[in-house]
Amino acid sequence: MDFGGGWDSVATLVDGRWVERRPRRPEVVDLLLMETRVMPWLAPQLPLAVPRPEVAQLEPLVVRHELVPGEPIEDFSEDNGRQLGEFLRALHGVDAADAVAHGLAKSDDRAETVARFRADVVPLVPDALTARATALLDAIADLPSDAVVHGDIGPEHILCVGDRVTGVIDFSDAHTGDPAIDLAWLLNGTPEHFARAVAKEYGVSPEVRDRALLWHQLGPWYEVTFGMDNDEPDDVESGLAGVVSRLDLG
């Protein structure tokens, strides 16, 4: 059964037990291989189930892991918020140097990404918002990069069985980065009572909250460049609408 798999990989359920993932693009190969090195070491340190992928085939690459049960989160209860706050506190508390030694990407490609956004996205922003867009990119460039982060926390990567969070999946964007990136959607794109529970359990400081908003504002920029790179004009259009909408949150 084909899961779809998202922007980076195609995921297929095999024998009702195994999830097999194949890269959609050549540059994704290294990301999937990184997961096979890091996740078996990282998983025992986390309070929720996560994939522990292994290489099933090298050429062409196929990685597989046991199915993490559940469906994307729909129940934004305070208890689920607390569980995710606990999960991220544990993840961000992992020793970053040890994680890098086990194969984690040492940092994000932030400088390259910000340069790309300046060149390709800022010119599409309405003139009235150009200064605000540029200020956002300036702020993002200066944020810390010192913790183990998932890098793409959103509803599709948080799984629930019934009304309980059971796992977090898709660590292909994991790297050493700003922990606030993992709180961006949780604090700014979810119901207030849920976000409050996440923040309380995690111990969110005012500074981290401010940085999480910056990352939340940046989210749609990735959709714009993804659409450009993959000849998907609808993604460019919807991403740009998100860029404009979230710039107004600042």
C-alpha atoms as a PDB file:
ATOM      1  CA  MET A   1       0.000   0.000   0.000  1.00  0.00           C
ATOM      2  CA  ASP A   2       1.402   3.393  -1.031  1.00  0.00           C
ATOM      3  CA  PHE A   3       1.440   5.993   1.766  1.00  0.00           C
ATOM      4  CA  GLY A   4       2.503   8.838  -0.509  1.00  0.00           C
ATOM      5  CA  GLY A   5       5.387   9.822   1.762  1.00  0.00           C
ATOM      6  CA  GLY A   6       5.665  13.587   1.352  1.00  0.00           C
ATOM      7  CA  TRP A   7       8.093  15.861  -0.451  1.00  0.00           C
ATOM      8  CA  ASP A   8      11.260  13.799  -0.011  1.00  0.00           C
ATOM      9  CA  SER A   9      10.335  10.129  -0.235  1.00  0.00           C
ATOM     10  CA  VAL A  10       7.750   7.613  -1.393  1.00  0.00           C
ATOM     11  CA  ALA A  11       6.526   5.355   1.420  1.00  0.00           C
ATOM     12  CA  THR A  12       4.937   1.936   0.941  1.00  0.00           C
ATOM     13  CA  LEU A  13       3.453  -0.416   3.545  1.00  0.00           C
ATOM     14  CA  VAL A  14       4.697  -3.996   3.060  1.00  0.00           C
ATOM     15  CA  ASP A  15       3.115  -7.058   4.703  1.00  0.00           C
ATOM     16  CA  GLY A  16       1.165  -4.804   7.034  1.00  0.00           C
ATOM     17  CA  ARG A  17       4.289  -4.339   9.143  1.00  0.00           C
ATOM     18  CA  TRP A  18       7.113  -2.634   7.273  1.00  0.00           C
ATOM     19  CA  VAL A  19       7.258   0.877   5.860  1.00  0.00           C
ATOM     20  CA  GLU A  20       9.612   1.049   2.883  1.00  0.00           C
ATOM     21  CA  ARG A  21      10.821   4.473   1.769  1.00  0.00           C
ATOM     22  CA  ARG A  22      12.453   5.442  -1.510  1.00  0.00           C
ATOM     23  CA  PRO A  23      13.960   8.864  -2.294  1.00  0.00           C
ATOM     24  CA  ARG A  24      12.049  11.057  -4.721  1.00  0.00           C
ATOM     25  CA  ARG A  25      15.223  12.927  -5.717  1.00  0.00           C
ATOM     26  CA  PRO A  26      18.951  12.044  -5.690  1.00  0.00           C
ATOM     27  CA  GLU A  27      19.745  14.549  -2.933  1.00  0.00           C
ATOM     28  CA  VAL A  28      17.366  12.724  -0.572  1.00  0.00           C
ATOM     29  CA  VAL A  29      19.530   9.570  -0.563  1.00  0.00           C
ATOM     30  CA  ASP A  30      21.912  10.987   2.049  1.00  0.00           C
ATOM     31  CA  LEU A  31      19.002  12.110   4.240  1.00  0.00           C
ATOM     32  CA  LEU A  32      17.507   8.624   4.343  1.00  0.00           C
ATOM     33  CA  LEU A  33      20.902   7.059   5.036  1.00  0.00           C
ATOM     34  CA  MET A  34      21.399   9.555   7.862  1.00  0.00           C
ATOM     35  CA  GLU A  35      18.192   8.283   9.461  1.00  0.00           C
ATOM     36  CA  THR A  36      19.451   4.683   9.366  1.00  0.00           C
ATOM     37  CA  ARG A  37      22.546   5.716  11.336  1.00  0.00           C
ATOM     38  CA  VAL A  38      21.014   8.125  13.825  1.00  0.00           C
ATOM     39  CA  MET A  39      17.555   6.798  14.651  1.00  0.00           C
ATOM     40  CA  PRO A  40      18.471   3.401  16.184  1.00  0.00           C
ATOM     41  CA  TRP A  41      20.716   5.322  18.600  1.00  0.00           C
ATOM     42  CA  LEU A  42      18.273   8.173  19.214  1.00  0.00           C
ATOM     43  CA  ALA A  43      15.033   6.198  19.615  1.00  0.00           C
ATOM     44  CA  PRO A  44      15.702   4.749  23.111  1.00  0.00           C
ATOM     45  CA  GLN A  45      16.230   8.280  24.444  1.00  0.00           C
ATOM     46  CA  LEU A  46      12.750   9.475  23.459  1.00  0.00           C
ATOM     47  CA  PRO A  47       9.407   8.965  25.261  1.00  0.00           C
ATOM     48  CA  LEU A  48       7.341   8.315  22.103  1.00  0.00           C
ATOM     49  CA  ALA A  49       7.751   5.745  19.351  1.00  0.00           C
ATOM     50  CA  VAL A  50       9.851   6.834  16.369  1.00  0.00           C
ATOM     51  CA  PRO A  51      11.053   4.940  13.286  1.00  0.00           C
ATOM     52  CA  ARG A  52      14.268   2.919  13.481  1.00  0.00           C
ATOM     53  CA  PRO A  53      15.064   2.517   9.785  1.00  0.00           C
ATOM     54  CA  GLU A  54      17.566   0.128   8.256  1.00  0.00           C
ATOM     55  CA  VAL A  55      18.895  -0.209   4.721  1.00  0.00           C
ATOM     56  CA  ALA A  56      16.899  -2.812   2.810  1.00  0.00           C
ATOM     57  CA  GLN A  57      18.568  -2.181  -0.558  1.00  0.00           C
ATOM     58  CA  LEU A  58      21.389   0.140  -1.624  1.00  0.00           C
ATOM     59  CA  GLU A  59      20.923   0.437  -5.396  1.00  0.00           C
ATOM     60  CA  PRO A  60      18.421   1.928  -5.850  1.00  0.00           C
ATOM     61  CA  LEU A  61      18.106   2.893  -2.196  1.00  0.00           C
ATOM     62  CA  VAL A  62      15.286   1.453  -0.107  1.00  0.00           C
ATOM     63  CA  VAL A  63      15.162   1.930   3.659  1.00  0.00           C
ATOM     64  CA  ARG A  64      12.584   0.309   5.878  1.00  0.00           C
ATOM     65  CA  HIS A  65      11.329   0.428   9.430  1.00  0.00           C
ATOM     66  CA  GLU A  66       8.592  -1.188  11.440  1.00  0.00           C
ATOM     67  CA  LEU A  67       5.306   0.646  11.150  1.00  0.00           C
ATOM     68  CA  VAL A  68       4.732   3.257  13.832  1.00  0.00           C
ATOM     69  CA  PRO A  69       0.982   2.865  14.385  1.00  0.00           C
ATOM     70  CA  GLY A  70      -1.439   5.744  14.259  1.00  0.00           C
ATOM     71  CA  GLU A  71      -3.032   8.439  12.148  1.00  0.00           C
ATOM     72  CA  PRO A  72      -2.078  12.139  11.888  1.00  0.00           C
ATOM     73  CA  ILE A  73      -3.110  14.042  14.988  1.00  0.00           C
ATOM     74  CA  GLU A  74      -6.644  15.409  15.110  1.00  0.00           C
ATOM     75  CA  ASP A  75      -7.247  15.427  18.875  1.00  0.00           C
ATOM     76  CA  PHE A  76      -5.632  18.554  20.283  1.00  0.00           C
ATOM     77  CA  SER A  77      -6.183  17.707  23.927  1.00  0.00           C
ATOM     78  CA  GLU A  78      -4.126  19.172  26.738  1.00  0.00           C
ATOM     79  CA  ASP A  79      -2.797  15.687  27.502  1.00  0.00           C
ATOM     80  CA  ASN A  80      -1.501  15.292  23.953  1.00  0.00           C
ATOM     81  CA  GLY A  81       0.045  18.737  24.224  1.00  0.00           C
ATOM     82  CA  ARG A  82       1.856  17.704  27.388  1.00  0.00           C
ATOM     83  CA  GLN A  83       3.124  14.521  25.725  1.00  0.00           C
ATOM     84  CA  LEU A  84       4.562  16.467  22.814  1.00  0.00           C
ATOM     85  CA  GLY A  85       6.128  19.018  25.137  1.00  0.00           C
ATOM     86  CA  GLU A  86       7.795  16.152  26.998  1.00  0.00           C
ATOM     87  CA  PHE A  87       8.918  14.555  23.724  1.00  0.00           C
ATOM     88  CA  LEU A  88      10.549  17.730  22.433  1.00  0.00           C
ATOM     89  CA  ARG A  89      12.179  18.476  25.773  1.00  0.00           C
ATOM     90  CA  ALA A  90      13.787  15.019  25.611  1.00  0.00           C
ATOM     91  CA  LEU A  91      14.795  15.391  21.955  1.00  0.00           C
ATOM     92  CA  HIS A  92      16.335  18.817  22.448  1.00  0.00           C
ATOM     93  CA  GLY A  93      18.138  17.588  25.553  1.00  0.00           C
ATOM     94  CA  VAL A  94      20.036  14.891  23.636  1.00  0.00           C
ATOM     95  CA  ASP A  95      23.755  15.584  23.447  1.00  0.00           C
ATOM     96  CA  ALA A  96      24.237  17.227  20.054  1.00  0.00           C
ATOM     97  CA  ALA A  97      27.897  16.234  19.729  1.00  0.00           C
ATOM     98  CA  ASP A  98      27.010  12.587  20.335  1.00  0.00           C
ATOM     99  CA  ALA A  99      24.226  12.836  17.770  1.00  0.00           C
ATOM    100  CA  VAL A 100      26.617  14.240  15.170  1.00  0.00           C
ATOM    101  CA  ALA A 101      29.065  11.438  15.974  1.00  0.00           C
ATOM    102  CA  HIS A 102      26.253   8.995  15.185  1.00  0.00           C
ATOM    103  CA  GLY A 103      25.625  10.630  11.817  1.00  0.00           C
ATOM    104  CA  LEU A 104      23.231  13.530  12.433  1.00  0.00           C
ATOM    105  CA  ALA A 105      23.596  16.431  10.006  1.00  0.00           C
ATOM    106  CA  LYS A 106      25.861  18.910  11.794  1.00  0.00           C
ATOM    107  CA  SER A 107      23.714  21.911  10.933  1.00  0.00           C
ATOM    108  CA  ASP A 108      21.007  23.049   8.580  1.00  0.00           C
ATOM    109  CA  ASP A 109      21.765  24.768   5.273  1.00  0.00           C
ATOM    110  CA  ARG A 110      20.442  28.006   6.692  1.00  0.00           C
ATOM    111  CA  ALA A 111      22.787  30.429   4.938  1.00  0.00           C
ATOM    112  CA  GLU A 112      22.107  28.813   1.573  1.00  0.00           C
ATOM    113  CA  THR A 113      18.367  28.659   2.240  1.00  0.00           C
ATOM    114  CA  VAL A 114      18.148  32.298   3.326  1.00  0.00           C
ATOM    115  CA  ALA A 115      20.113  33.366   0.238  1.00  0.00           C
ATOM    116  CA  ARG A 116      17.715  31.391  -1.961  1.00  0.00           C
ATOM    117  CA  PHE A 117      14.693  32.983  -0.299  1.00  0.00           C
ATOM    118  CA  ARG A 118      16.163  36.476  -0.760  1.00  0.00           C
ATOM    119  CA  ALA A 119      16.763  35.828  -4.443  1.00  0.00           C
ATOM    120  CA  ASP A 120      13.607  33.938  -5.398  1.00  0.00           C
ATOM    121  CA  VAL A 121      10.836  34.643  -2.887  1.00  0.00           C
ATOM    122  CA  VAL A 122      11.305  38.231  -1.717  1.00  0.00           C
ATOM    123  CA  PRO A 123      10.785  39.590  -5.269  1.00  0.00           C
ATOM    124  CA  LEU A 124       7.341  37.935  -5.294  1.00  0.00           C
ATOM    125  CA  VAL A 125       6.231  39.566  -2.042  1.00  0.00           C
ATOM    126  CA  PRO A 126       4.065  42.703  -2.342  1.00  0.00           C
ATOM    127  CA  ASP A 127       6.131  45.881  -2.111  1.00  0.00           C
ATOM    128  CA  ALA A 128       4.423  46.895   1.126  1.00  0.00           C
ATOM    129  CA  LEU A 129       5.786  43.750   2.817  1.00  0.00           C
ATOM    130  CA  THR A 130       9.285  43.655   1.323  1.00  0.00           C
ATOM    131  CA  ALA A 131      10.945  45.289   4.327  1.00  0.00           C
ATOM    132  CA  ARG A 132       9.170  42.921   6.707  1.00  0.00           C
ATOM    133  CA  ALA A 133      10.166  39.900   4.599  1.00  0.00           C
ATOM    134  CA  THR A 134      13.803  41.004   4.548  1.00  0.00           C
ATOM    135  CA  ALA A 135      13.782  41.596   8.307  1.00  0.00           C
ATOM    136  CA  LEU A 136      12.447  38.070   8.853  1.00  0.00           C
ATOM    137  CA  LEU A 137      15.291  36.563   6.840  1.00  0.00           C
ATOM    138  CA  ASP A 138      17.827  38.701   8.714  1.00  0.00           C
ATOM    139  CA  ALA A 139      16.446  37.431  12.029  1.00  0.00           C
ATOM    140  CA  ILE A 140      16.403  33.780  10.935  1.00  0.00           C
ATOM    141  CA  ALA A 141      20.041  33.952   9.851  1.00  0.00           C
ATOM    142  CA  ASP A 142      21.120  34.875  13.397  1.00  0.00           C
ATOM    143  CA  LEU A 143      19.208  32.210  15.351  1.00  0.00           C
ATOM    144  CA  PRO A 144      21.072  29.505  17.316  1.00  0.00           C
ATOM    145  CA  SER A 145      21.949  26.097  15.926  1.00  0.00           C
ATOM    146  CA  ASP A 146      22.961  24.010  18.919  1.00  0.00           C
ATOM    147  CA  ALA A 147      20.307  21.344  19.595  1.00  0.00           C
ATOM    148  CA  VAL A 148      19.110  18.098  18.037  1.00  0.00           C
ATOM    149  CA  VAL A 149      15.899  18.985  16.193  1.00  0.00           C
ATOM    150  CA  HIS A 150      13.332  17.078  14.138  1.00  0.00           C
ATOM    151  CA  GLY A 151      13.109  19.950  11.679  1.00  0.00           C
ATOM    152  CA  ASP A 152       9.606  19.337  10.309  1.00  0.00           C
ATOM    153  CA  ILE A 153       7.109  18.981  13.150  1.00  0.00           C
ATOM    154  CA  GLY A 154       3.581  19.219  11.776  1.00  0.00           C
ATOM    155  CA  PRO A 155       0.312  17.292  12.037  1.00  0.00           C
ATOM    156  CA  GLU A 156       1.261  14.757   9.360  1.00  0.00           C
ATOM    157  CA  HIS A 157       4.291  13.653  11.387  1.00  0.00           C
ATOM    158  CA  ILE A 158       2.547  13.295  14.774  1.00  0.00           C
ATOM    159  CA  LEU A 159       0.621  10.025  15.022  1.00  0.00           C
ATOM    160  CA  CYS A 160      -2.256   9.089  17.314  1.00  0.00           C
ATOM    161  CA  VAL A 161      -4.105   5.880  18.071  1.00  0.00           C
ATOM    162  CA  GLY A 162      -7.562   6.863  19.189  1.00  0.00           C
ATOM    163  CA  ASP A 163      -7.161  10.068  21.143  1.00  0.00           C
ATOM    164  CA  ARG A 164      -3.578   9.476  22.301  1.00  0.00           C
ATOM    165  CA  VAL A 165      -0.301  10.526  20.712  1.00  0.00           C
ATOM    166  CA  THR A 166       1.693   7.380  19.968  1.00  0.00           C
ATOM    167  CA  GLY A 167       4.641   8.445  17.856  1.00  0.00           C
ATOM    168  CA  VAL A 168       6.531  10.950  15.731  1.00  0.00           C
ATOM    169  CA  ILE A 169       7.781  10.058  12.251  1.00  0.00           C
ATOM    170  CA  ASP A 170       9.899  11.320   9.338  1.00  0.00           C
ATOM    171  CA  PHE A 171      13.246  12.487  10.678  1.00  0.00           C
ATOM    172  CA  SER A 172      14.854  13.112   7.282  1.00  0.00           C
ATOM    173  CA  ASP A 173      15.126  16.835   8.104  1.00  0.00           C
ATOM    174  CA  ALA A 174      16.740  16.204  11.513  1.00  0.00           C
ATOM    175  CA  HIS A 175      19.875  18.249  12.197  1.00  0.00           C
ATOM    176  CA  THR A 176      21.555  20.387  14.810  1.00  0.00           C
ATOM    177  CA  GLY A 177      19.543  23.579  14.803  1.00  0.00           C
ATOM    178  CA  ASP A 178      17.373  25.978  16.752  1.00  0.00           C
ATOM    179  CA  PRO A 179      15.016  24.057  19.068  1.00  0.00           C
ATOM    180  CA  ALA A 180      12.371  26.710  18.451  1.00  0.00           C
ATOM    181  CA  ILE A 181      11.873  25.366  14.915  1.00  0.00           C
ATOM    182  CA  ASP A 182      10.159  22.283  16.368  1.00  0.00           C
ATOM    183  CA  LEU A 183       7.801  24.475  18.393  1.00  0.00           C
ATOM    184  CA  ALA A 184       6.802  26.718  15.489  1.00  0.00           C
ATOM    185  CA  TRP A 185       3.584  24.984  14.464  1.00  0.00           C
ATOM    186  CA  LEU A 186       2.798  23.624  17.925  1.00  0.00           C
ATOM    187  CA  LEU A 187       2.742  27.099  19.490  1.00  0.00           C
ATOM    188  CA  ASN A 188       1.378  29.085  16.551  1.00  0.00           C
ATOM    189  CA  GLY A 189      -0.799  26.777  14.461  1.00  0.00           C
ATOM    190  CA  THR A 190      -2.800  24.810  17.028  1.00  0.00           C
ATOM    191  CA  PRO A 191      -5.665  25.545  19.464  1.00  0.00           C
ATOM    192  CA  GLU A 192      -4.681  27.797  22.350  1.00  0.00           C
ATOM    193  CA  HIS A 193      -5.272  25.240  25.118  1.00  0.00           C
ATOM    194  CA  PHE A 194      -3.107  22.687  23.295  1.00  0.00           C
ATOM    195  CA  ALA A 195      -0.302  25.169  22.617  1.00  0.00           C
ATOM    196  CA  ARG A 196      -0.408  26.263  26.250  1.00  0.00           C
ATOM    197  CA  ALA A 197      -0.009  22.645  27.418  1.00  0.00           C
ATOM    198  CA  VAL A 198       2.950  22.108  25.076  1.00  0.00           C
ATOM    199  CA  ALA A 199       4.616  25.277  26.308  1.00  0.00           C
ATOM    200  CA  LYS A 200       4.102  24.510  29.992  1.00  0.00           C
ATOM    201  CA  GLU A 201       5.436  20.951  29.766  1.00  0.00           C
ATOM    202  CA  TYR A 202       8.385  21.967  27.600  1.00  0.00           C
ATOM    203  CA  GLY A 203       9.228  25.053  29.652  1.00  0.00           C
ATOM    204  CA  VAL A 204       9.047  27.572  26.815  1.00  0.00           C
ATOM    205  CA  SER A 205      10.795  30.852  27.607  1.00  0.00           C
ATOM    206  CA  PRO A 206       9.712  34.192  26.105  1.00  0.00           C
ATOM    207  CA  GLU A 207      12.814  34.136  23.883  1.00  0.00           C
ATOM    208  CA  VAL A 208      12.053  30.654  22.545  1.00  0.00           C
ATOM    209  CA  ARG A 209       8.429  31.657  21.952  1.00  0.00           C
ATOM    210  CA  ASP A 210       9.559  34.654  19.893  1.00  0.00           C
ATOM    211  CA  ARG A 211      11.908  32.480  17.838  1.00  0.00           C
ATOM    212  CA  ALA A 212       9.171  29.891  17.274  1.00  0.00           C
ATOM    213  CA  LEU A 213       7.009  32.608  15.731  1.00  0.00           C
ATOM    214  CA  LEU A 214       9.828  33.539  13.350  1.00  0.00           C
ATOM    215  CA  TRP A 215      10.124  29.914  12.202  1.00  0.00           C
ATOM    216  CA  HIS A 216       6.342  29.704  11.828  1.00  0.00           C
ATOM    217  CA  GLN A 217       6.414  32.778   9.611  1.00  0.00           C
ATOM    218  CA  LEU A 218       9.138  31.177   7.496  1.00  0.00           C
ATOM    219  CA  GLY A 219       7.292  27.884   6.919  1.00  0.00           C
ATOM    220  CA  PRO A 220       5.430  28.792   3.697  1.00  0.00           C
ATOM    221  CA  TRP A 221       8.625  30.039   2.055  1.00  0.00           C
ATOM    222  CA  TYR A 222       9.714  26.407   1.658  1.00  0.00           C
ATOM    223  CA  GLU A 223       6.505  25.609  -0.205  1.00  0.00           C
ATOM    224  CA  VAL A 224       7.221  28.410  -2.673  1.00  0.00           C
ATOM    225  CA  THR A 225      10.690  27.130  -3.575  1.00  0.00           C
ATOM    226  CA  PHE A 226       9.497  23.512  -3.604  1.00  0.00           C
ATOM    227  CA  GLY A 227       6.898  24.507  -6.177  1.00  0.00           C
ATOM    228  CA  MET A 228       9.525  26.329  -8.220  1.00  0.00           C
ATOM    229  CA  ASP A 229      11.895  23.371  -8.186  1.00  0.00           C
ATOM    230  CA  ASN A 230       9.230  20.815  -9.089  1.00  0.00           C
ATOM    231  CA  ASP A 231       7.184  22.796 -11.615  1.00  0.00           C
ATOM    232  CA  GLU A 232       4.189  22.963  -9.274  1.00  0.00           C
ATOM    233  CA  PRO A 233       2.651  26.420  -9.773  1.00  0.00           C
ATOM    234  CA  ASP A 234      -0.167  25.670  -7.322  1.00  0.00           C
ATOM    235  CA  ASP A 235       2.422  25.159  -4.570  1.00  0.00           C
ATOM    236  CA  VAL A 236       4.091  28.435  -5.489  1.00  0.00           C
ATOM    237  CA  GLU A 237       0.751  30.233  -5.332  1.00  0.00           C
ATOM    238  CA  SER A 238      -0.422  28.702  -2.054  1.00  0.00           C
ATOM    239  CA  GLY A 239       3.014  29.103  -0.495  1.00  0.00           C
ATOM    240  CA  LEU A 240       3.155  32.767  -1.438  1.00  0.00           C
ATOM    241  CA  ALA A 241      -0.297  33.315   0.046  1.00  0.00           C
ATOM    242  CA  GLY A 242       1.015  31.773   3.262  1.00  0.00           C
ATOM    243  CA  VAL A 243       4.124  33.961   3.189  1.00  0.00           C
ATOM    244  CA  VAL A 244       1.987  37.097   2.953  1.00  0.00           C
ATOM    245  CA  SER A 245      -0.484  35.938   5.595  1.00  0.00           C
ATOM    246  CA  ARG A 246       2.163  35.015   8.153  1.00  0.00           C
ATOM    247  CA  LEU A 247       4.207  38.171   7.660  1.00  0.00           C
ATOM    248  CA  ASP A 248       1.189  39.941   9.141  1.00  0.00           C
ATOM    249  CA  LEU A 249       1.632  37.925  12.369  1.00  0.00           C
ATOM    250  CA  GLY A 250       4.777  39.782  13.359  1.00  0.00           C
END
